[in-house]
Amino acid sequence: MVQELGSYAKGFGDPTTHTSTPKSMEEVVVEVMKANKVVELFQTMAIVNLNMGNLTLEVNTLMN
């Protein structure tokens, strides 16, 4: 692990023993993917909401 971190980790010994060690890449990737899914869901819901509003306006216009 120290070799993977390069010069950043020189002199720190085993980085897994420190409480301030950065998260593993897998954990970071999982959190980013979760955040991206939340953003995508929010965007989708906003688009659906706008489309439903437009549909309501069209129906109301046709009824009048």
C-alpha atoms as a PDB file:
ATOM      1  CA  MET A   1       0.000   0.000   0.000  1.00  0.00           C
ATOM      2  CA  VAL A   2       2.827   2.406   0.822  1.00  0.00           C
ATOM      3  CA  GLN A   3       4.378   1.782  -2.578  1.00  0.00           C
ATOM      4  CA  GLU A   4       1.034   2.500  -4.274  1.00  0.00           C
ATOM      5  CA  LEU A   5       0.753   5.887  -2.573  1.00  0.00           C
ATOM      6  CA  GLY A   6       4.220   6.913  -3.749  1.00  0.00           C
ATOM      7  CA  SER A   7       6.023   9.845  -2.158  1.00  0.00           C
ATOM      8  CA  TYR A   8       2.912  10.906  -0.247  1.00  0.00           C
ATOM      9  CA  ALA A   9       3.271   7.982   2.139  1.00  0.00           C
ATOM     10  CA  LYS A  10       7.063   7.948   2.577  1.00  0.00           C
ATOM     11  CA  GLY A  11       7.982   7.991   6.222  1.00  0.00           C
ATOM     12  CA  PHE A  12       4.512   7.080   7.464  1.00  0.00           C
ATOM     13  CA  GLY A  13       5.098   3.321   7.705  1.00  0.00           C
ATOM     14  CA  ASP A  14       1.927   1.261   7.458  1.00  0.00           C
ATOM     15  CA  PRO A  15      -0.835   3.680   6.424  1.00  0.00           C
ATOM     16  CA  THR A  16      -3.595   1.371   7.650  1.00  0.00           C
ATOM     17  CA  THR A  17      -2.641   2.062  11.273  1.00  0.00           C
ATOM     18  CA  HIS A  18      -3.373   5.809  11.074  1.00  0.00           C
ATOM     19  CA  THR A  19      -6.854   7.109  11.799  1.00  0.00           C
ATOM     20  CA  SER A  20      -6.437   9.930   9.277  1.00  0.00           C
ATOM     21  CA  THR A  21      -5.696   7.556   6.396  1.00  0.00           C
ATOM     22  CA  PRO A  22      -7.704   8.362   3.260  1.00  0.00           C
ATOM     23  CA  LYS A  23     -10.459   5.924   2.352  1.00  0.00           C
ATOM     24  CA  SER A  24      -9.691   3.107  -0.033  1.00  0.00           C
ATOM     25  CA  MET A  25     -10.414   3.786  -3.682  1.00  0.00           C
ATOM     26  CA  GLU A  26     -13.253   1.273  -3.635  1.00  0.00           C
ATOM     27  CA  GLU A  27     -15.036   3.164  -0.861  1.00  0.00           C
ATOM     28  CA  VAL A  28     -14.545   6.475  -2.652  1.00  0.00           C
ATOM     29  CA  VAL A  29     -15.867   5.030  -5.920  1.00  0.00           C
ATOM     30  CA  VAL A  30     -18.929   3.583  -4.162  1.00  0.00           C
ATOM     31  CA  GLU A  31     -19.722   6.934  -2.516  1.00  0.00           C
ATOM     32  CA  VAL A  32     -19.289   8.836  -5.794  1.00  0.00           C
ATOM     33  CA  MET A  33     -21.530   6.379  -7.625  1.00  0.00           C
ATOM     34  CA  LYS A  34     -24.195   6.714  -4.917  1.00  0.00           C
ATOM     35  CA  ALA A  35     -24.010  10.501  -5.157  1.00  0.00           C
ATOM     36  CA  ASN A  36     -24.267  10.314  -8.953  1.00  0.00           C
ATOM     37  CA  LYS A  37     -27.355   8.120  -8.693  1.00  0.00           C
ATOM     38  CA  VAL A  38     -28.992  10.603  -6.329  1.00  0.00           C
ATOM     39  CA  VAL A  39     -28.229  13.454  -8.741  1.00  0.00           C
ATOM     40  CA  GLU A  40     -29.585  11.461 -11.688  1.00  0.00           C
ATOM     41  CA  LEU A  41     -32.754  10.628  -9.747  1.00  0.00           C
ATOM     42  CA  PHE A  42     -33.258  14.284  -8.813  1.00  0.00           C
ATOM     43  CA  GLN A  43     -32.755  15.382 -12.426  1.00  0.00           C
ATOM     44  CA  THR A  44     -35.173  12.729 -13.664  1.00  0.00           C
ATOM     45  CA  MET A  45     -37.813  13.750 -11.129  1.00  0.00           C
ATOM     46  CA  ALA A  46     -37.407  17.415 -12.108  1.00  0.00           C
ATOM     47  CA  ILE A  47     -37.869  16.552 -15.788  1.00  0.00           C
ATOM     48  CA  VAL A  48     -40.924  14.393 -15.043  1.00  0.00           C
ATOM     49  CA  ASN A  49     -42.377  17.187 -12.923  1.00  0.00           C
ATOM     50  CA  LEU A  50     -41.901  19.728 -15.732  1.00  0.00           C
ATOM     51  CA  ASN A  51     -43.387  17.353 -18.298  1.00  0.00           C
ATOM     52  CA  MET A  52     -46.425  16.700 -16.101  1.00  0.00           C
ATOM     53  CA  GLY A  53     -46.894  20.454 -15.709  1.00  0.00           C
ATOM     54  CA  ASN A  54     -46.729  20.909 -19.465  1.00  0.00           C
ATOM     55  CA  LEU A  55     -49.195  18.065 -19.988  1.00  0.00           C
ATOM     56  CA  THR A  56     -51.599  19.639 -17.494  1.00  0.00           C
ATOM     57  CA  LEU A  57     -51.384  22.973 -19.306  1.00  0.00           C
ATOM     58  CA  GLU A  58     -52.067  21.298 -22.645  1.00  0.00           C
ATOM     59  CA  VAL A  59     -55.080  19.402 -21.287  1.00  0.00           C
ATOM     60  CA  ASN A  60     -56.466  22.546 -19.681  1.00  0.00           C
ATOM     61  CA  THR A  61     -55.981  24.454 -22.921  1.00  0.00           C
ATOM     62  CA  LEU A  62     -57.771  21.765 -24.927  1.00  0.00           C
ATOM     63  CA  MET A  63     -60.645  21.620 -22.455  1.00  0.00           C
ATOM     64  CA  ASN A  64     -61.219  25.389 -22.712  1.00  0.00           C
END
